[in-house]
């Protein structure tokens, strides 16, 4: 297992350098002939010398000191802004993930156990709806209906637990402001996951071990608990990790709709204000978060599946 983990970490280290190089070139090399950017950029952010030397300085400052520069507008450290925005995005993703799993896992499994039933047709409608609707549209509809028309939930804004910067505090107010973003995040991402779970469970239901268990007299509930869940856990973990990582892209839209001061909202404001260090730092931070989630999934996958550990030992030997 150790060789497998070391190999995965080494591959992600190489990916880290590739991502940072791409971000550096896109934000600090390509726009250098843009006179509007050059006039706004302080001297310390303009390129001096070779590109690779500047890139090495950029990466070393980030790795050694956590330095991603200062915002053009506020002169505040980008890392400070990222630290302040990260808890908001984590709150959105964690709560939305719970809503997503609560919708997708039962609906997908029940639809697979009862194919061509009304429940299966209803799940297909949920899948089509979730795949078709954009998170901006769904967020605006929920905000209008529950925030403005019914006035039962806040339509916009954020409330921190400890009243650091948002003007309101308390766990209840915090959760109240995140209910609609959680639902938006959960519904949009649950659609594809429901379809994948249904396909996976239906495939497993045709395996020999399921037919053998049924021939021995095991009921549907016992087949699911004792046999089916054990075999679908591994691919489910992989799908959750991969889709959770890719779903971070939708955070930009959801935070913009509900005016949340998270990473997505910060990225949008940085792009609108042509604040290169802030935009580059947000993109890099989100990319590293996706890489970290994928690495965790890879390691967890290796812990669950002994075949991967055996393959890693064979490759080393």
Protein backbone atom coordinates (compact mmCIF):
# COMPACT_ATOMS: atom_id res chain seq x y z
CA UNK A 1 0.00 0.00 0.00
CA UNK A 2 2.90 2.35 0.75
CA UNK A 3 4.28 2.11 -2.78
CA UNK A 4 0.83 2.80 -4.20
CA UNK A 5 0.40 5.93 -2.05
CA UNK A 6 3.91 7.19 -2.89
CA UNK A 7 3.25 6.65 -6.59
CA UNK A 8 -0.03 8.57 -6.46
CA UNK A 9 1.53 11.43 -4.50
CA UNK A 10 4.40 11.64 -6.98
CA UNK A 11 1.98 11.84 -9.91
CA UNK A 12 0.04 14.63 -8.21
CA UNK A 13 3.25 16.53 -7.50
CA UNK A 14 3.95 16.55 -11.24
CA UNK A 15 0.36 17.61 -11.84
CA UNK A 16 0.83 20.43 -9.33
CA UNK A 17 3.71 21.86 -11.34
CA UNK A 18 1.70 21.52 -14.54
CA UNK A 19 -1.29 23.35 -13.05
CA UNK A 20 0.78 26.14 -11.52
CA UNK A 21 2.64 26.63 -14.80
CA UNK A 22 -0.64 26.84 -16.70
CA UNK A 23 -2.07 29.38 -14.23
CA UNK A 24 1.14 31.43 -14.25
CA UNK A 25 1.31 31.58 -18.04
CA UNK A 26 -2.40 32.32 -18.45
CA UNK A 27 -2.54 35.15 -15.93
CA UNK A 28 0.95 36.64 -15.72
CA UNK A 29 2.61 35.99 -19.08
CA UNK A 30 -0.04 36.16 -21.78
CA UNK A 31 -1.66 39.47 -20.64
CA UNK A 32 1.66 41.33 -20.35
CA UNK A 33 1.16 43.22 -23.63
CA UNK A 34 -2.27 44.47 -22.52
CA UNK A 35 -1.71 48.13 -21.74
CA UNK A 36 -4.77 48.32 -19.52
CA UNK A 37 -3.41 45.57 -17.30
CA UNK A 38 0.11 46.95 -17.37
CA UNK A 39 -1.06 50.35 -16.10
CA UNK A 40 -2.97 48.80 -13.21
CA UNK A 41 -0.39 46.19 -12.23
CA UNK A 42 2.14 47.27 -9.58
CA UNK A 43 5.80 46.98 -10.51
CA UNK A 44 6.45 43.93 -8.34
CA UNK A 45 3.93 41.90 -10.37
CA UNK A 46 5.39 42.64 -13.78
CA UNK A 47 7.74 40.15 -15.35
CA UNK A 48 11.48 40.78 -15.12
CA UNK A 49 13.92 38.32 -16.69
CA UNK A 50 13.11 34.89 -18.05
CA UNK A 51 9.72 33.33 -17.74
CA UNK A 52 10.95 30.15 -16.03
CA UNK A 53 12.83 32.16 -13.44
CA UNK A 54 9.70 34.15 -12.66
CA UNK A 55 7.68 30.93 -12.57
CA UNK A 56 10.14 29.35 -10.13
CA UNK A 57 9.92 32.47 -7.94
CA UNK A 58 6.11 32.30 -8.08
CA UNK A 59 5.98 28.62 -7.11
CA UNK A 60 8.62 28.98 -4.40
CA UNK A 61 6.76 31.90 -2.86
CA UNK A 62 3.56 29.88 -2.81
CA UNK A 63 5.11 26.65 -1.48
CA UNK A 64 7.49 28.24 1.02
CA UNK A 65 5.49 31.23 2.23
CA UNK A 66 1.95 30.68 0.94
CA UNK A 67 2.34 33.89 -1.06
CA UNK A 68 0.10 34.41 -4.08
CA UNK A 69 0.59 38.14 -4.30
CA UNK A 70 -1.67 41.01 -3.31
CA UNK A 71 -4.96 42.12 -4.75
CA UNK A 72 -4.68 45.02 -7.17
CA UNK A 73 -7.74 46.71 -5.69
CA UNK A 74 -7.42 46.30 -1.91
CA UNK A 75 -3.68 45.49 -1.63
CA UNK A 76 -4.71 42.66 0.70
CA UNK A 77 -2.88 39.36 0.51
CA UNK A 78 -4.62 36.91 -1.80
CA UNK A 79 -4.01 34.03 0.62
CA UNK A 80 -5.77 36.02 3.36
CA UNK A 81 -8.81 36.43 1.11
CA UNK A 82 -8.71 32.73 0.24
CA UNK A 83 -8.60 31.72 3.92
CA UNK A 84 -11.60 33.94 4.64
CA UNK A 85 -13.61 32.59 1.68
CA UNK A 86 -12.81 28.89 2.06
CA UNK A 87 -15.15 28.16 5.04
CA UNK A 88 -18.09 29.56 3.05
CA UNK A 89 -17.40 27.30 0.08
CA UNK A 90 -16.77 24.29 2.33
CA UNK A 91 -20.11 24.92 4.06
CA UNK A 92 -21.87 25.07 0.71
CA UNK A 93 -20.20 21.92 -0.66
CA UNK A 94 -20.60 19.87 2.56
CA UNK A 95 -24.29 20.66 2.99
CA UNK A 96 -25.00 20.31 -0.71
CA UNK A 97 -23.22 16.95 -0.74
CA UNK A 98 -25.52 15.66 2.01
CA UNK A 99 -28.60 16.82 0.08
CA UNK A 100 -27.16 15.29 -3.08
CA UNK A 101 -26.56 11.86 -1.48
CA UNK A 102 -29.91 11.86 0.35
CA UNK A 103 -31.65 12.35 -2.99
CA UNK A 104 -29.49 10.25 -5.28
CA UNK A 105 -28.70 7.04 -3.37
CA UNK A 106 -32.23 6.02 -2.28
CA UNK A 107 -33.79 7.17 -5.54
CA UNK A 108 -31.22 5.42 -7.72
CA UNK A 109 -31.32 2.14 -5.77
CA UNK A 110 -35.12 2.01 -5.58
CA UNK A 111 -35.42 2.78 -9.29
CA UNK A 112 -33.01 -0.08 -10.06
CA UNK A 113 -34.88 -2.50 -7.79
CA UNK A 114 -38.21 -1.58 -9.42
CA UNK A 115 -37.45 -1.08 -13.12
CA UNK A 116 -40.18 0.36 -15.37
CA UNK A 117 -42.30 1.26 -12.34
CA UNK A 118 -43.74 4.67 -11.54
CA UNK A 119 -40.81 5.27 -9.21
CA UNK A 120 -38.38 4.48 -12.01
CA UNK A 121 -40.17 6.86 -14.35
CA UNK A 122 -40.19 9.53 -11.64
CA UNK A 123 -36.46 9.14 -11.12
CA UNK A 124 -35.96 9.52 -14.87
CA UNK A 125 -37.83 12.83 -14.70
CA UNK A 126 -35.59 13.99 -11.84
CA UNK A 127 -32.51 13.03 -13.87
CA UNK A 128 -33.70 14.86 -17.00
CA UNK A 129 -34.67 17.91 -14.94
CA UNK A 130 -31.35 18.04 -13.10
CA UNK A 131 -29.27 17.55 -16.24
CA UNK A 132 -31.23 20.16 -18.19
CA UNK A 133 -31.46 23.02 -15.73
CA UNK A 134 -28.55 25.37 -15.11
CA UNK A 135 -27.63 26.08 -11.46
CA UNK A 136 -28.11 29.81 -12.10
CA UNK A 137 -31.68 29.29 -13.31
CA UNK A 138 -32.55 26.89 -10.50
CA UNK A 139 -30.99 29.20 -7.91
CA UNK A 140 -32.88 32.23 -9.23
CA UNK A 141 -36.19 30.32 -9.21
CA UNK A 142 -35.68 29.07 -5.64
CA UNK A 143 -34.55 32.52 -4.51
CA UNK A 144 -37.62 34.18 -6.03
CA UNK A 145 -40.17 31.62 -4.82
CA UNK A 146 -38.94 30.96 -1.28
CA UNK A 147 -37.11 34.22 -0.67
CA UNK A 148 -39.24 36.93 -2.29
CA UNK A 149 -42.71 35.48 -2.81
CA UNK A 150 -43.13 33.20 0.23
CA UNK A 151 -40.50 34.98 2.34
CA UNK A 152 -39.68 31.83 4.32
CA UNK A 153 -35.93 31.75 3.65
CA UNK A 154 -33.31 34.41 2.93
CA UNK A 155 -33.02 35.02 -0.79
CA UNK A 156 -29.40 36.23 -0.70
CA UNK A 157 -26.50 36.82 1.60
CA UNK A 158 -24.48 34.87 4.13
CA UNK A 159 -24.47 34.70 7.91
CA UNK A 160 -21.38 33.40 9.70
CA UNK A 161 -21.50 31.28 12.83
CA UNK A 162 -19.18 33.55 14.84
CA UNK A 163 -20.02 36.99 13.36
CA UNK A 164 -16.54 37.63 12.02
CA UNK A 165 -17.49 39.78 9.05
CA UNK A 166 -21.09 39.30 7.94
CA UNK A 167 -23.05 41.30 10.51
CA UNK A 168 -25.13 38.39 11.77
CA UNK A 169 -24.26 35.23 13.64
CA UNK A 170 -25.59 32.02 15.08
CA UNK A 171 -25.87 28.46 13.84
CA UNK A 172 -29.57 28.80 13.00
CA UNK A 173 -29.07 31.96 10.94
CA UNK A 174 -26.06 30.39 9.21
CA UNK A 175 -28.04 27.30 8.18
CA UNK A 176 -31.04 29.41 7.19
CA UNK A 177 -28.99 31.37 4.67
CA UNK A 178 -27.52 28.18 3.17
CA UNK A 179 -30.69 26.10 2.73
CA UNK A 180 -31.44 27.33 -0.78
CA UNK A 181 -27.79 27.07 -1.96
CA UNK A 182 -27.63 23.55 -0.52
CA UNK A 183 -30.78 22.52 -2.40
CA UNK A 184 -29.47 24.05 -5.63
CA UNK A 185 -26.12 22.29 -5.32
CA UNK A 186 -27.74 18.98 -4.32
CA UNK A 187 -30.41 18.84 -7.02
CA UNK A 188 -28.07 19.75 -9.87
CA UNK A 189 -25.47 17.17 -8.89
CA UNK A 190 -27.89 14.45 -7.78
CA UNK A 191 -29.30 14.03 -11.28
CA UNK A 192 -26.30 12.40 -12.92
CA UNK A 193 -25.41 10.48 -9.77
CA UNK A 194 -28.92 8.98 -9.59
CA UNK A 195 -28.57 7.68 -13.14
CA UNK A 196 -25.13 6.21 -12.41
CA UNK A 197 -26.35 4.47 -9.24
CA UNK A 198 -29.34 3.02 -11.08
CA UNK A 199 -27.12 1.64 -13.85
CA UNK A 200 -24.59 0.25 -11.38
CA UNK A 201 -27.18 -1.50 -9.20
CA UNK A 202 -29.02 -2.96 -12.19
CA UNK A 203 -25.73 -4.34 -13.49
CA UNK A 204 -24.97 -5.94 -10.13
CA UNK A 205 -28.46 -7.44 -9.92
CA UNK A 206 -27.64 -9.57 -12.98
CA UNK A 207 -24.50 -11.07 -11.41
CA UNK A 208 -24.27 -14.71 -10.39
CA UNK A 209 -23.92 -14.04 -6.66
CA UNK A 210 -27.26 -12.18 -6.60
CA UNK A 211 -29.07 -14.98 -8.43
CA UNK A 212 -27.47 -17.51 -6.08
CA UNK A 213 -28.60 -15.57 -3.01
CA UNK A 214 -32.13 -15.36 -4.35
CA UNK A 215 -32.12 -19.10 -5.15
CA UNK A 216 -31.20 -19.76 -1.52
CA UNK A 217 -34.31 -17.88 -0.41
CA UNK A 218 -32.84 -14.48 0.48
CA UNK A 219 -35.37 -11.67 0.24
CA UNK A 220 -34.77 -8.37 -1.59
CA UNK A 221 -33.79 -6.57 1.61
CA UNK A 222 -31.22 -9.18 2.61
CA UNK A 223 -29.79 -9.30 -0.91
CA UNK A 224 -29.27 -5.55 -0.84
CA UNK A 225 -27.85 -5.38 2.69
CA UNK A 226 -25.66 -8.47 2.74
CA UNK A 227 -24.51 -8.74 -0.86
CA UNK A 228 -25.29 -5.79 -3.10
CA UNK A 229 -24.09 -2.91 -0.92
CA UNK A 230 -20.73 -4.56 -0.32
CA UNK A 231 -20.03 -4.74 -4.04
CA UNK A 232 -21.30 -1.31 -5.04
CA UNK A 233 -19.53 0.59 -2.23
CA UNK A 234 -16.21 0.80 -4.05
CA UNK A 235 -17.48 2.28 -7.34
CA UNK A 236 -19.84 4.53 -5.37
CA UNK A 237 -16.94 5.98 -3.40
CA UNK A 238 -15.09 6.64 -6.63
CA UNK A 239 -18.09 8.30 -8.24
CA UNK A 240 -18.74 10.48 -5.18
CA UNK A 241 -15.15 11.67 -5.04
CA UNK A 242 -14.82 12.36 -8.75
CA UNK A 243 -18.16 14.13 -9.07
CA UNK A 244 -17.63 16.10 -5.86
CA UNK A 245 -14.38 17.38 -7.33
CA UNK A 246 -15.84 18.28 -10.71
CA UNK A 247 -18.92 19.87 -9.12
CA UNK A 248 -16.72 22.58 -7.60
CA UNK A 249 -17.00 24.36 -10.93
CA UNK A 250 -20.70 24.96 -10.26
CA UNK A 251 -19.86 26.71 -6.99
CA UNK A 252 -19.03 29.87 -8.97
CA UNK A 253 -22.60 30.10 -10.30
CA UNK A 254 -24.34 29.20 -7.04
CA UNK A 255 -22.32 31.64 -4.93
CA UNK A 256 -22.94 34.37 -7.48
CA UNK A 257 -26.71 33.83 -7.45
CA UNK A 258 -26.98 33.83 -3.65
CA UNK A 259 -24.24 36.43 -3.08
CA UNK A 260 -22.09 34.15 -0.93
CA UNK A 261 -18.59 35.43 -0.04
CA UNK A 262 -16.89 32.17 -0.99
CA UNK A 263 -14.23 31.15 -3.48
CA UNK A 264 -16.62 31.19 -6.42
CA UNK A 265 -17.86 34.69 -5.66
CA UNK A 266 -14.30 35.88 -5.15
CA UNK A 267 -13.28 34.40 -8.50
CA UNK A 268 -16.15 36.15 -10.25
CA UNK A 269 -15.38 39.51 -8.65
CA UNK A 270 -11.68 39.17 -9.45
CA UNK A 271 -12.45 38.45 -13.10
CA UNK A 272 -14.87 41.39 -13.33
CA UNK A 273 -12.35 43.79 -11.78
CA UNK A 274 -9.43 42.41 -13.87
CA UNK A 275 -7.63 41.65 -10.62
CA UNK A 276 -5.06 39.15 -11.93
CA UNK A 277 -3.52 37.97 -8.62
CA UNK A 278 -6.95 37.47 -7.04
CA UNK A 279 -8.33 35.62 -10.07
CA UNK A 280 -5.21 33.48 -10.49
CA UNK A 281 -5.15 32.63 -6.78
CA UNK A 282 -8.81 31.58 -6.85
CA UNK A 283 -8.33 29.40 -9.94
CA UNK A 284 -5.20 27.80 -8.50
CA UNK A 285 -6.83 27.16 -5.13
CA UNK A 286 -9.88 25.51 -6.70
CA UNK A 287 -7.65 23.40 -8.95
CA UNK A 288 -5.59 22.26 -5.95
CA UNK A 289 -8.79 21.43 -4.04
CA UNK A 290 -9.92 19.22 -6.93
CA UNK A 291 -6.52 17.52 -7.00
CA UNK A 292 -6.64 16.92 -3.23
CA UNK A 293 -10.10 15.36 -3.47
CA UNK A 294 -8.99 13.08 -6.30
CA UNK A 295 -5.90 12.04 -4.33
CA UNK A 296 -8.03 11.18 -1.29
CA UNK A 297 -10.34 9.12 -3.50
CA UNK A 298 -7.38 7.27 -5.06
CA UNK A 299 -5.94 6.40 -1.63
CA UNK A 300 -9.31 5.36 -0.26
CA UNK A 301 -9.90 3.28 -3.37
CA UNK A 302 -6.59 1.49 -2.75
CA UNK A 303 -7.56 0.79 0.86
CA UNK A 304 -10.87 -0.74 -0.19
CA UNK A 305 -9.66 -2.76 -3.18
CA UNK A 306 -6.78 -5.18 -2.45
CA UNK A 307 -6.24 -5.73 -6.17
CA UNK A 308 -4.81 -2.22 -6.48
CA UNK A 309 -2.33 -2.80 -3.67
CA UNK A 310 -1.26 -6.08 -5.26
CA UNK A 311 -0.79 -4.43 -8.64
CA UNK A 312 1.28 -1.65 -7.06
CA UNK A 313 3.58 -4.18 -5.31
CA UNK A 314 3.96 -6.14 -8.55
CA UNK A 315 4.90 -3.00 -10.49
CA UNK A 316 7.55 -2.04 -7.90
CA UNK A 317 9.04 -5.53 -7.78
